[in-house]
mmCIF file of all heavy atoms, coordinates in Angstrom:
data_MODEL
# 
_entry.id   MODEL 
# 
loop_
_atom_site.group_PDB 
_atom_site.id 
_atom_site.type_symbol 
_atom_site.label_atom_id 
_atom_site.label_alt_id 
_atom_site.label_comp_id 
_atom_site.label_asym_id 
_atom_site.label_entity_id 
_atom_site.label_seq_id 
_atom_site.pdbx_PDB_ins_code 
_atom_site.Cartn_x 
_atom_site.Cartn_y 
_atom_site.Cartn_z 
_atom_site.occupancy 
_atom_site.B_iso_or_equiv 
_atom_site.pdbx_formal_charge 
_atom_site.auth_seq_id 
_atom_site.auth_comp_id 
_atom_site.auth_asym_id 
_atom_site.auth_atom_id 
_atom_site.pdbx_PDB_model_num 
ATOM 1   N N   . HIS A 1 1  ? 15.046 12.565 -6.222  1.00 0.00 ? 1  HIS A N   1 
ATOM 2   C CA  . HIS A 1 1  ? 14.289 11.648 -7.100  1.00 0.00 ? 1  HIS A CA  1 
ATOM 3   C C   . HIS A 1 1  ? 13.922 10.427 -6.299  1.00 0.00 ? 1  HIS A C   1 
ATOM 4   O O   . HIS A 1 1  ? 14.773 9.627  -5.934  1.00 0.00 ? 1  HIS A O   1 
ATOM 5   C CB  . HIS A 1 1  ? 15.160 11.257 -8.291  1.00 0.00 ? 1  HIS A CB  1 
ATOM 6   C CG  . HIS A 1 1  ? 14.414 10.527 -9.396  1.00 0.00 ? 1  HIS A CG  1 
ATOM 7   N ND1 . HIS A 1 1  ? 13.675 11.197 -10.346 1.00 0.00 ? 1  HIS A ND1 1 
ATOM 8   C CD2 . HIS A 1 1  ? 14.271 9.204  -9.643  1.00 0.00 ? 1  HIS A CD2 1 
ATOM 9   C CE1 . HIS A 1 1  ? 13.129 10.302 -11.164 1.00 0.00 ? 1  HIS A CE1 1 
ATOM 10  N NE2 . HIS A 1 1  ? 13.480 9.090  -10.756 1.00 0.00 ? 1  HIS A NE2 1 
ATOM 11  N N   . GLY A 1 2  ? 12.641 10.277 -5.973  1.00 0.00 ? 2  GLY A N   1 
ATOM 12  C CA  . GLY A 1 2  ? 12.172 9.239  -5.156  1.00 0.00 ? 2  GLY A CA  1 
ATOM 13  C C   . GLY A 1 2  ? 11.537 9.776  -3.890  1.00 0.00 ? 2  GLY A C   1 
ATOM 14  O O   . GLY A 1 2  ? 11.132 10.949 -3.854  1.00 0.00 ? 2  GLY A O   1 
ATOM 15  N N   . ALA A 1 3  ? 11.419 8.976  -2.842  1.00 0.00 ? 3  ALA A N   1 
ATOM 16  C CA  . ALA A 1 3  ? 10.804 9.421  -1.598  1.00 0.00 ? 3  ALA A CA  1 
ATOM 17  C C   . ALA A 1 3  ? 11.696 10.362 -0.846  1.00 0.00 ? 3  ALA A C   1 
ATOM 18  O O   . ALA A 1 3  ? 12.905 10.143 -0.732  1.00 0.00 ? 3  ALA A O   1 
ATOM 19  C CB  . ALA A 1 3  ? 10.473 8.167  -0.741  1.00 0.00 ? 3  ALA A CB  1 
ATOM 20  N N   . GLY A 1 4  ? 11.120 11.452 -0.312  1.00 0.00 ? 4  GLY A N   1 
ATOM 21  C CA  . GLY A 1 4  ? 11.912 12.398 0.428   1.00 0.00 ? 4  GLY A CA  1 
ATOM 22  C C   . GLY A 1 4  ? 11.104 13.406 1.193   1.00 0.00 ? 4  GLY A C   1 
ATOM 23  O O   . GLY A 1 4  ? 9.841  13.448 1.054   1.00 0.00 ? 4  GLY A O   1 
ATOM 24  N N   . VAL A 1 5  ? 11.766 14.205 1.975   1.00 0.00 ? 5  VAL A N   1 
ATOM 25  C CA  . VAL A 1 5  ? 11.120 15.260 2.767   1.00 0.00 ? 5  VAL A CA  1 
ATOM 26  C C   . VAL A 1 5  ? 11.873 16.577 2.543   1.00 0.00 ? 5  VAL A C   1 
ATOM 27  O O   . VAL A 1 5  ? 13.102 16.632 2.755   1.00 0.00 ? 5  VAL A O   1 
ATOM 28  C CB  . VAL A 1 5  ? 11.122 14.943 4.274   1.00 0.00 ? 5  VAL A CB  1 
ATOM 29  C CG1 . VAL A 1 5  ? 10.421 16.089 5.034   1.00 0.00 ? 5  VAL A CG1 1 
ATOM 30  C CG2 . VAL A 1 5  ? 10.410 13.637 4.544   1.00 0.00 ? 5  VAL A CG2 1 
ATOM 31  N N   . PHE A 1 6  ? 11.150 17.625 2.093   1.00 0.00 ? 6  PHE A N   1 
ATOM 32  C CA  . PHE A 1 6  ? 11.729 18.947 1.950   1.00 0.00 ? 6  PHE A CA  1 
ATOM 33  C C   . PHE A 1 6  ? 11.137 19.856 2.997   1.00 0.00 ? 6  PHE A C   1 
ATOM 34  O O   . PHE A 1 6  ? 9.929  19.853 3.243   1.00 0.00 ? 6  PHE A O   1 
ATOM 35  C CB  . PHE A 1 6  ? 11.426 19.513 0.571   1.00 0.00 ? 6  PHE A CB  1 
ATOM 36  C CG  . PHE A 1 6  ? 11.635 21.014 0.486   1.00 0.00 ? 6  PHE A CG  1 
ATOM 37  C CD1 . PHE A 1 6  ? 12.896 21.521 0.340   1.00 0.00 ? 6  PHE A CD1 1 
ATOM 38  C CD2 . PHE A 1 6  ? 10.583 21.886 0.588   1.00 0.00 ? 6  PHE A CD2 1 
ATOM 39  C CE1 . PHE A 1 6  ? 13.087 22.885 0.312   1.00 0.00 ? 6  PHE A CE1 1 
ATOM 40  C CE2 . PHE A 1 6  ? 10.741 23.248 0.562   1.00 0.00 ? 6  PHE A CE2 1 
ATOM 41  C CZ  . PHE A 1 6  ? 12.006 23.771 0.418   1.00 0.00 ? 6  PHE A CZ  1 
ATOM 42  N N   . THR A 1 7  ? 12.001 20.602 3.714   1.00 0.00 ? 7  THR A N   1 
ATOM 43  C CA  . THR A 1 7  ? 11.567 21.543 4.750   1.00 0.00 ? 7  THR A CA  1 
ATOM 44  C C   . THR A 1 7  ? 11.993 22.947 4.354   1.00 0.00 ? 7  THR A C   1 
ATOM 45  O O   . THR A 1 7  ? 13.161 23.200 4.050   1.00 0.00 ? 7  THR A O   1 
ATOM 46  C CB  . THR A 1 7  ? 12.171 21.198 6.108   1.00 0.00 ? 7  THR A CB  1 
ATOM 47  O OG1 . THR A 1 7  ? 11.912 19.824 6.423   1.00 0.00 ? 7  THR A OG1 1 
ATOM 48  C CG2 . THR A 1 7  ? 11.554 22.076 7.203   1.00 0.00 ? 7  THR A CG2 1 
ATOM 49  N N   . SER A 1 8  ? 11.052 23.889 4.344   1.00 0.00 ? 8  SER A N   1 
ATOM 50  C CA  . SER A 1 8  ? 11.336 25.254 3.937   1.00 0.00 ? 8  SER A CA  1 
ATOM 51  C C   . SER A 1 8  ? 11.868 26.071 5.110   1.00 0.00 ? 8  SER A C   1 
ATOM 52  O O   . SER A 1 8  ? 11.873 25.617 6.249   1.00 0.00 ? 8  SER A O   1 
ATOM 53  C CB  . SER A 1 8  ? 10.077 25.917 3.367   1.00 0.00 ? 8  SER A CB  1 
ATOM 54  O OG  . SER A 1 8  ? 9.158  26.186 4.403   1.00 0.00 ? 8  SER A OG  1 
ATOM 55  N N   . SER A 1 9  ? 12.239 27.318 4.842   1.00 0.00 ? 9  SER A N   1 
ATOM 56  C CA  . SER A 1 9  ? 12.838 28.160 5.863   1.00 0.00 ? 9  SER A CA  1 
ATOM 57  C C   . SER A 1 9  ? 11.821 28.582 6.936   1.00 0.00 ? 9  SER A C   1 
ATOM 58  O O   . SER A 1 9  ? 12.198 29.010 8.023   1.00 0.00 ? 9  SER A O   1 
ATOM 59  C CB  . SER A 1 9  ? 13.417 29.419 5.227   1.00 0.00 ? 9  SER A CB  1 
ATOM 60  O OG  . SER A 1 9  ? 12.435 30.108 4.481   1.00 0.00 ? 9  SER A OG  1 
ATOM 61  N N   . ASN A 1 10 ? 10.507 28.484 6.651   1.00 0.00 ? 10 ASN A N   1 
ATOM 62  C CA  . ASN A 1 10 ? 9.502  28.833 7.659   1.00 0.00 ? 10 ASN A CA  1 
ATOM 63  C C   . ASN A 1 10 ? 8.855  27.595 8.274   1.00 0.00 ? 10 ASN A C   1 
ATOM 64  O O   . ASN A 1 10 ? 7.757  27.669 8.792   1.00 0.00 ? 10 ASN A O   1 
ATOM 65  C CB  . ASN A 1 10 ? 8.446  29.755 7.050   1.00 0.00 ? 10 ASN A CB  1 
ATOM 66  C CG  . ASN A 1 10 ? 7.675  29.093 5.933   1.00 0.00 ? 10 ASN A CG  1 
ATOM 67  O OD1 . ASN A 1 10 ? 7.990  27.961 5.571   1.00 0.00 ? 10 ASN A OD1 1 
ATOM 68  N ND2 . ASN A 1 10 ? 6.660  29.763 5.428   1.00 0.00 ? 10 ASN A ND2 1 
ATOM 69  N N   . SER A 1 11 ? 9.597  26.457 8.180   1.00 0.00 ? 11 SER A N   1 
ATOM 70  C CA  . SER A 1 11 ? 9.191  25.228 8.809   1.00 0.00 ? 11 SER A CA  1 
ATOM 71  C C   . SER A 1 11 ? 8.023  24.512 8.149   1.00 0.00 ? 11 SER A C   1 
ATOM 72  O O   . SER A 1 11 ? 7.484  23.569 8.712   1.00 0.00 ? 11 SER A O   1 
ATOM 73  C CB  . SER A 1 11 ? 8.879  25.400 10.325  1.00 0.00 ? 11 SER A CB  1 
ATOM 74  O OG  . SER A 1 11 ? 10.062 25.780 10.998  1.00 0.00 ? 11 SER A OG  1 
ATOM 75  N N   . GLU A 1 12 ? 7.617  24.925 6.972   1.00 0.00 ? 12 GLU A N   1 
ATOM 76  C CA  . GLU A 1 12 ? 6.655  24.157 6.228   1.00 0.00 ? 12 GLU A CA  1 
ATOM 77  C C   . GLU A 1 12 ? 7.378  23.018 5.566   1.00 0.00 ? 12 GLU A C   1 
ATOM 78  O O   . GLU A 1 12 ? 8.564  23.102 5.242   1.00 0.00 ? 12 GLU A O   1 
ATOM 79  C CB  . GLU A 1 12 ? 5.975  25.036 5.175   1.00 0.00 ? 12 GLU A CB  1 
ATOM 80  C CG  . GLU A 1 12 ? 5.046  26.079 5.758   1.00 0.00 ? 12 GLU A CG  1 
ATOM 81  C CD  . GLU A 1 12 ? 4.384  26.911 4.647   1.00 0.00 ? 12 GLU A CD  1 
ATOM 82  O OE1 . GLU A 1 12 ? 5.106  27.522 3.858   1.00 0.00 ? 12 GLU A OE1 1 
ATOM 83  O OE2 . GLU A 1 12 ? 3.177  26.931 4.619   1.00 0.00 ? 12 GLU A OE2 1 
ATOM 84  N N   . TYR A 1 13 ? 6.709  21.893 5.387   1.00 0.00 ? 13 TYR A N   1 
ATOM 85  C CA  . TYR A 1 13 ? 7.381  20.770 4.842   1.00 0.00 ? 13 TYR A CA  1 
ATOM 86  C C   . TYR A 1 13 ? 6.553  20.053 3.788   1.00 0.00 ? 13 TYR A C   1 
ATOM 87  O O   . TYR A 1 13 ? 5.322  20.125 3.765   1.00 0.00 ? 13 TYR A O   1 
ATOM 88  C CB  . TYR A 1 13 ? 7.796  19.784 5.936   1.00 0.00 ? 13 TYR A CB  1 
ATOM 89  C CG  . TYR A 1 13 ? 6.625  18.985 6.534   1.00 0.00 ? 13 TYR A CG  1 
ATOM 90  C CD1 . TYR A 1 13 ? 6.422  17.685 6.068   1.00 0.00 ? 13 TYR A CD1 1 
ATOM 91  C CD2 . TYR A 1 13 ? 5.791  19.509 7.494   1.00 0.00 ? 13 TYR A CD2 1 
ATOM 92  C CE1 . TYR A 1 13 ? 5.366  16.928 6.617   1.00 0.00 ? 13 TYR A CE1 1 
ATOM 93  C CE2 . TYR A 1 13 ? 4.785  18.769 8.029   1.00 0.00 ? 13 TYR A CE2 1 
ATOM 94  C CZ  . TYR A 1 13 ? 4.543  17.470 7.582   1.00 0.00 ? 13 TYR A CZ  1 
ATOM 95  O OH  . TYR A 1 13 ? 3.543  16.742 8.094   1.00 0.00 ? 13 TYR A OH  1 
ATOM 96  N N   . VAL A 1 14 ? 7.251  19.396 2.899   1.00 0.00 ? 14 VAL A N   1 
ATOM 97  C CA  . VAL A 1 14 ? 6.632  18.550 1.884   1.00 0.00 ? 14 VAL A CA  1 
ATOM 98  C C   . VAL A 1 14 ? 7.217  17.146 1.976   1.00 0.00 ? 14 VAL A C   1 
ATOM 99  O O   . VAL A 1 14 ? 8.417  16.982 1.965   1.00 0.00 ? 14 VAL A O   1 
ATOM 100 C CB  . VAL A 1 14 ? 6.913  19.114 0.452   1.00 0.00 ? 14 VAL A CB  1 
ATOM 101 C CG1 . VAL A 1 14 ? 6.287  18.190 -0.608  1.00 0.00 ? 14 VAL A CG1 1 
ATOM 102 C CG2 . VAL A 1 14 ? 6.409  20.533 0.290   1.00 0.00 ? 14 VAL A CG2 1 
ATOM 103 N N   . GLU A 1 15 ? 6.397  16.175 2.153   1.00 0.00 ? 15 GLU A N   1 
ATOM 104 C CA  . GLU A 1 15 ? 6.836  14.777 2.230   1.00 0.00 ? 15 GLU A CA  1 
ATOM 105 C C   . GLU A 1 15 ? 6.135  13.970 1.183   1.00 0.00 ? 15 GLU A C   1 
ATOM 106 O O   . GLU A 1 15 ? 4.908  14.017 1.032   1.00 0.00 ? 15 GLU A O   1 
ATOM 107 C CB  . GLU A 1 15 ? 6.528  14.207 3.622   1.00 0.00 ? 15 GLU A CB  1 
ATOM 108 C CG  . GLU A 1 15 ? 7.018  12.764 3.774   1.00 0.00 ? 15 GLU A CG  1 
ATOM 109 C CD  . GLU A 1 15 ? 6.816  12.244 5.181   1.00 0.00 ? 15 GLU A CD  1 
ATOM 110 O OE1 . GLU A 1 15 ? 6.249  13.001 5.982   1.00 0.00 ? 15 GLU A OE1 1 
ATOM 111 O OE2 . GLU A 1 15 ? 7.241  11.140 5.494   1.00 0.00 ? 15 GLU A OE2 1 
ATOM 112 N N   . GLY A 1 16 ? 6.903  13.238 0.382   1.00 0.00 ? 16 GLY A N   1 
ATOM 113 C CA  . GLY A 1 16 ? 6.287  12.453 -0.674  1.00 0.00 ? 16 GLY A CA  1 
ATOM 114 C C   . GLY A 1 16 ? 7.305  12.058 -1.719  1.00 0.00 ? 16 GLY A C   1 
ATOM 115 O O   . GLY A 1 16 ? 8.491  11.919 -1.449  1.00 0.00 ? 16 GLY A O   1 
ATOM 116 N N   . ASP A 1 17 ? 6.848  11.944 -2.941  1.00 0.00 ? 17 ASP A N   1 
ATOM 117 C CA  . ASP A 1 17 ? 7.716  11.546 -4.048  1.00 0.00 ? 17 ASP A CA  1 
ATOM 118 C C   . ASP A 1 17 ? 8.187  12.746 -4.850  1.00 0.00 ? 17 ASP A C   1 
ATOM 119 O O   . ASP A 1 17 ? 7.416  13.693 -5.078  1.00 0.00 ? 17 ASP A O   1 
ATOM 120 C CB  . ASP A 1 17 ? 6.969  10.563 -4.963  1.00 0.00 ? 17 ASP A CB  1 
ATOM 121 C CG  . ASP A 1 17 ? 6.730  9.219  -4.335  1.00 0.00 ? 17 ASP A CG  1 
ATOM 122 O OD1 . ASP A 1 17 ? 7.583  8.823  -3.474  1.00 0.00 ? 17 ASP A OD1 1 
ATOM 123 O OD2 . ASP A 1 17 ? 5.749  8.555  -4.647  1.00 0.00 ? 17 ASP A OD2 1 
ATOM 124 N N   . PHE A 1 18 ? 9.494  12.653 -5.274  1.00 0.00 ? 18 PHE A N   1 
ATOM 125 C CA  . PHE A 1 18 ? 10.044 13.687 -6.125  1.00 0.00 ? 18 PHE A CA  1 
ATOM 126 C C   . PHE A 1 18 ? 10.487 13.044 -7.438  1.00 0.00 ? 18 PHE A C   1 
ATOM 127 O O   . PHE A 1 18 ? 10.899 11.876 -7.450  1.00 0.00 ? 18 PHE A O   1 
ATOM 128 C CB  . PHE A 1 18 ? 11.241 14.351 -5.424  1.00 0.00 ? 18 PHE A CB  1 
ATOM 129 C CG  . PHE A 1 18 ? 10.888 15.187 -4.265  1.00 0.00 ? 18 PHE A CG  1 
ATOM 130 C CD1 . PHE A 1 18 ? 10.508 14.652 -3.035  1.00 0.00 ? 18 PHE A CD1 1 
ATOM 131 C CD2 . PHE A 1 18 ? 10.915 16.582 -4.356  1.00 0.00 ? 18 PHE A CD2 1 
ATOM 132 C CE1 . PHE A 1 18 ? 10.173 15.421 -1.961  1.00 0.00 ? 18 PHE A CE1 1 
ATOM 133 C CE2 . PHE A 1 18 ? 10.572 17.387 -3.273  1.00 0.00 ? 18 PHE A CE2 1 
ATOM 134 C CZ  . PHE A 1 18 ? 10.196 16.814 -2.094  1.00 0.00 ? 18 PHE A CZ  1 
ATOM 135 N N   . HIS A 1 19 ? 10.423 13.827 -8.493  1.00 0.00 ? 19 HIS A N   1 
ATOM 136 C CA  . HIS A 1 19 ? 10.876 13.352 -9.805  1.00 0.00 ? 19 HIS A CA  1 
ATOM 137 C C   . HIS A 1 19 ? 11.750 14.433 -10.425 1.00 0.00 ? 19 HIS A C   1 
ATOM 138 O O   . HIS A 1 19 ? 11.263 15.523 -10.705 1.00 0.00 ? 19 HIS A O   1 
ATOM 139 C CB  . HIS A 1 19 ? 9.702  13.037 -10.711 1.00 0.00 ? 19 HIS A CB  1 
ATOM 140 C CG  . HIS A 1 19 ? 10.077 12.540 -12.075 1.00 0.00 ? 19 HIS A CG  1 
ATOM 141 N ND1 . HIS A 1 19 ? 10.448 11.222 -12.259 1.00 0.00 ? 19 HIS A ND1 1 
ATOM 142 C CD2 . HIS A 1 19 ? 10.190 13.161 -13.277 1.00 0.00 ? 19 HIS A CD2 1 
ATOM 143 C CE1 . HIS A 1 19 ? 10.750 11.038 -13.548 1.00 0.00 ? 19 HIS A CE1 1 
ATOM 144 N NE2 . HIS A 1 19 ? 10.612 12.192 -14.147 1.00 0.00 ? 19 HIS A NE2 1 
ATOM 145 N N   . ARG A 1 20 ? 13.034 14.120 -10.630 1.00 0.00 ? 20 ARG A N   1 
ATOM 146 C CA  . ARG A 1 20 ? 13.956 15.061 -11.233 1.00 0.00 ? 20 ARG A CA  1 
ATOM 147 C C   . ARG A 1 20 ? 13.937 16.428 -10.561 1.00 0.00 ? 20 ARG A C   1 
ATOM 148 O O   . ARG A 1 20 ? 13.914 17.478 -11.217 1.00 0.00 ? 20 ARG A O   1 
ATOM 149 C CB  . ARG A 1 20 ? 13.692 15.226 -12.727 1.00 0.00 ? 20 ARG A CB  1 
ATOM 150 C CG  . ARG A 1 20 ? 13.806 13.932 -13.534 1.00 0.00 ? 20 ARG A CG  1 
ATOM 151 C CD  . ARG A 1 20 ? 15.184 13.355 -13.432 1.00 0.00 ? 20 ARG A CD  1 
ATOM 152 N NE  . ARG A 1 20 ? 15.380 12.155 -14.236 1.00 0.00 ? 20 ARG A NE  1 
ATOM 153 C CZ  . ARG A 1 20 ? 16.391 11.318 -14.123 1.00 0.00 ? 20 ARG A CZ  1 
ATOM 154 N NH1 . ARG A 1 20 ? 17.314 11.572 -13.215 1.00 0.00 ? 20 ARG A NH1 1 
ATOM 155 N NH2 . ARG A 1 20 ? 16.476 10.250 -14.852 1.00 0.00 ? 20 ARG A NH2 1 
ATOM 156 N N   . GLY A 1 21 ? 13.885 16.416 -9.238  1.00 0.00 ? 21 GLY A N   1 
ATOM 157 C CA  . GLY A 1 21 ? 13.954 17.665 -8.467  1.00 0.00 ? 21 GLY A CA  1 
ATOM 158 C C   . GLY A 1 21 ? 12.629 18.342 -8.238  1.00 0.00 ? 21 GLY A C   1 
ATOM 159 O O   . GLY A 1 21 ? 12.583 19.378 -7.526  1.00 0.00 ? 21 GLY A O   1 
ATOM 160 N N   . ARG A 1 22 ? 11.553 17.777 -8.691  1.00 0.00 ? 22 ARG A N   1 
ATOM 161 C CA  . ARG A 1 22 ? 10.235 18.400 -8.512  1.00 0.00 ? 22 ARG A CA  1 
ATOM 162 C C   . ARG A 1 22 ? 9.303  17.469 -7.747  1.00 0.00 ? 22 ARG A C   1 
ATOM 163 O O   . ARG A 1 22 ? 9.333  16.262 -7.915  1.00 0.00 ? 22 ARG A O   1 
ATOM 164 C CB  . ARG A 1 22 ? 9.595  18.733 -9.878  1.00 0.00 ? 22 ARG A CB  1 
ATOM 165 C CG  . ARG A 1 22 ? 10.398 19.770 -10.671 1.00 0.00 ? 22 ARG A CG  1 
ATOM 166 C CD  . ARG A 1 22 ? 9.687  20.107 -11.980 1.00 0.00 ? 22 ARG A CD  1 
ATOM 167 N NE  . ARG A 1 22 ? 8.429  20.763 -11.740 1.00 0.00 ? 22 ARG A NE  1 
ATOM 168 C CZ  . ARG A 1 22 ? 8.308  22.070 -11.503 1.00 0.00 ? 22 ARG A CZ  1 
ATOM 169 N NH1 . ARG A 1 22 ? 9.372  22.852 -11.471 1.00 0.00 ? 22 ARG A NH1 1 
ATOM 170 N NH2 . ARG A 1 22 ? 7.139  22.628 -11.280 1.00 0.00 ? 22 ARG A NH2 1 
ATOM 171 N N   . TYR A 1 23 ? 8.475  18.098 -6.891  1.00 0.00 ? 23 TYR A N   1 
ATOM 172 C CA  . TYR A 1 23 ? 7.528  17.338 -6.098  1.00 0.00 ? 23 TYR A CA  1 
ATOM 173 C C   . TYR A 1 23 ? 6.422  16.769 -7.016  1.00 0.00 ? 23 TYR A C   1 
ATOM 174 O O   . TYR A 1 23 ? 5.917  17.450 -7.907  1.00 0.00 ? 23 TYR A O   1 
ATOM 175 C CB  . TYR A 1 23 ? 6.921  18.256 -5.038  1.00 0.00 ? 23 TYR A CB  1 
ATOM 176 C CG  . TYR A 1 23 ? 5.797  17.636 -4.236  1.00 0.00 ? 23 TYR A CG  1 
ATOM 177 C CD1 . TYR A 1 23 ? 6.047  16.571 -3.363  1.00 0.00 ? 23 TYR A CD1 1 
ATOM 178 C CD2 . TYR A 1 23 ? 4.514  18.115 -4.335  1.00 0.00 ? 23 TYR A CD2 1 
ATOM 179 C CE1 . TYR A 1 23 ? 5.011  16.013 -2.645  1.00 0.00 ? 23 TYR A CE1 1 
ATOM 180 C CE2 . TYR A 1 23 ? 3.458  17.566 -3.600  1.00 0.00 ? 23 TYR A CE2 1 
ATOM 181 C CZ  . TYR A 1 23 ? 3.739  16.518 -2.760  1.00 0.00 ? 23 TYR A CZ  1 
ATOM 182 O OH  . TYR A 1 23 ? 2.707  15.965 -2.046  1.00 0.00 ? 23 TYR A OH  1 
ATOM 183 N N   . VAL A 1 24 ? 6.082  15.496 -6.772  1.00 0.00 ? 24 VAL A N   1 
ATOM 184 C CA  . VAL A 1 24 ? 5.076  14.875 -7.583  1.00 0.00 ? 24 VAL A CA  1 
ATOM 185 C C   . VAL A 1 24 ? 3.737  14.928 -6.832  1.00 0.00 ? 24 VAL A C   1 
ATOM 186 O O   . VAL A 1 24 ? 3.603  14.374 -5.729  1.00 0.00 ? 24 VAL A O   1 
ATOM 187 C CB  . VAL A 1 24 ? 5.408  13.381 -7.878  1.00 0.00 ? 24 VAL A CB  1 
ATOM 188 C CG1 . VAL A 1 24 ? 4.292  12.706 -8.662  1.00 0.00 ? 24 VAL A CG1 1 
ATOM 189 C CG2 . VAL A 1 24 ? 6.729  13.319 -8.647  1.00 0.00 ? 24 VAL A CG2 1 
ATOM 190 N N   . ASP A 1 25 ? 2.756  15.605 -7.379  1.00 0.00 ? 25 ASP A N   1 
ATOM 191 C CA  . ASP A 1 25 ? 1.423  15.748 -6.803  1.00 0.00 ? 25 ASP A CA  1 
ATOM 192 C C   . ASP A 1 25 ? 0.696  14.403 -6.988  1.00 0.00 ? 25 ASP A C   1 
ATOM 193 O O   . ASP A 1 25 ? 0.394  14.070 -8.120  1.00 0.00 ? 25 ASP A O   1 
ATOM 194 C CB  . ASP A 1 25 ? 0.670  16.876 -7.445  1.00 0.00 ? 25 ASP A CB  1 
ATOM 195 C CG  . ASP A 1 25 ? -0.642 17.181 -6.714  1.00 0.00 ? 25 ASP A CG  1 
ATOM 196 O OD1 . ASP A 1 25 ? -1.134 16.289 -5.982  1.00 0.00 ? 25 ASP A OD1 1 
ATOM 197 O OD2 . ASP A 1 25 ? -1.153 18.310 -6.879  1.00 0.00 ? 25 ASP A OD2 1 
ATOM 198 N N   . PRO A 1 26 ? 0.387  13.648 -5.914  1.00 0.00 ? 26 PRO A N   1 
ATOM 199 C CA  . PRO A 1 26 ? -0.235 12.361 -6.133  1.00 0.00 ? 26 PRO A CA  1 
ATOM 200 C C   . PRO A 1 26 ? -1.641 12.454 -6.674  1.00 0.00 ? 26 PRO A C   1 
ATOM 201 O O   . PRO A 1 26 ? -2.167 11.471 -7.225  1.00 0.00 ? 26 PRO A O   1 
ATOM 202 C CB  . PRO A 1 26 ? -0.224 11.775 -4.722  1.00 0.00 ? 26 PRO A CB  1 
ATOM 203 C CG  . PRO A 1 26 ? -0.171 12.930 -3.804  1.00 0.00 ? 26 PRO A CG  1 
ATOM 204 C CD  . PRO A 1 26 ? 0.650  13.971 -4.526  1.00 0.00 ? 26 PRO A CD  1 
ATOM 205 N N   . ASP A 1 27 ? -2.309 13.619 -6.537  1.00 0.00 ? 27 ASP A N   1 
ATOM 206 C CA  . ASP A 1 27 ? -3.678 13.801 -7.036  1.00 0.00 ? 27 ASP A CA  1 
ATOM 207 C C   . ASP A 1 27 ? -3.750 14.363 -8.426  1.00 0.00 ? 27 ASP A C   1 
ATOM 208 O O   . ASP A 1 27 ? -4.863 14.478 -8.976  1.00 0.00 ? 27 ASP A O   1 
ATOM 209 C CB  . ASP A 1 27 ? -4.457 14.720 -6.082  1.00 0.00 ? 27 ASP A CB  1 
ATOM 210 C CG  . ASP A 1 27 ? -4.679 14.046 -4.711  1.00 0.00 ? 27 ASP A CG  1 
ATOM 211 O OD1 . ASP A 1 27 ? -4.595 12.821 -4.633  1.00 0.00 ? 27 ASP A OD1 1 
ATOM 212 O OD2 . ASP A 1 27 ? -4.906 14.785 -3.736  1.00 0.00 ? 27 ASP A OD2 1 
# 
């Protein structure tokens, strides 16, 4: 919850804001 970076098992990553465990799409 808040700013963070998630990295998947195939090295893809998501960096941004999370809310209650879910990535927040800024668009």
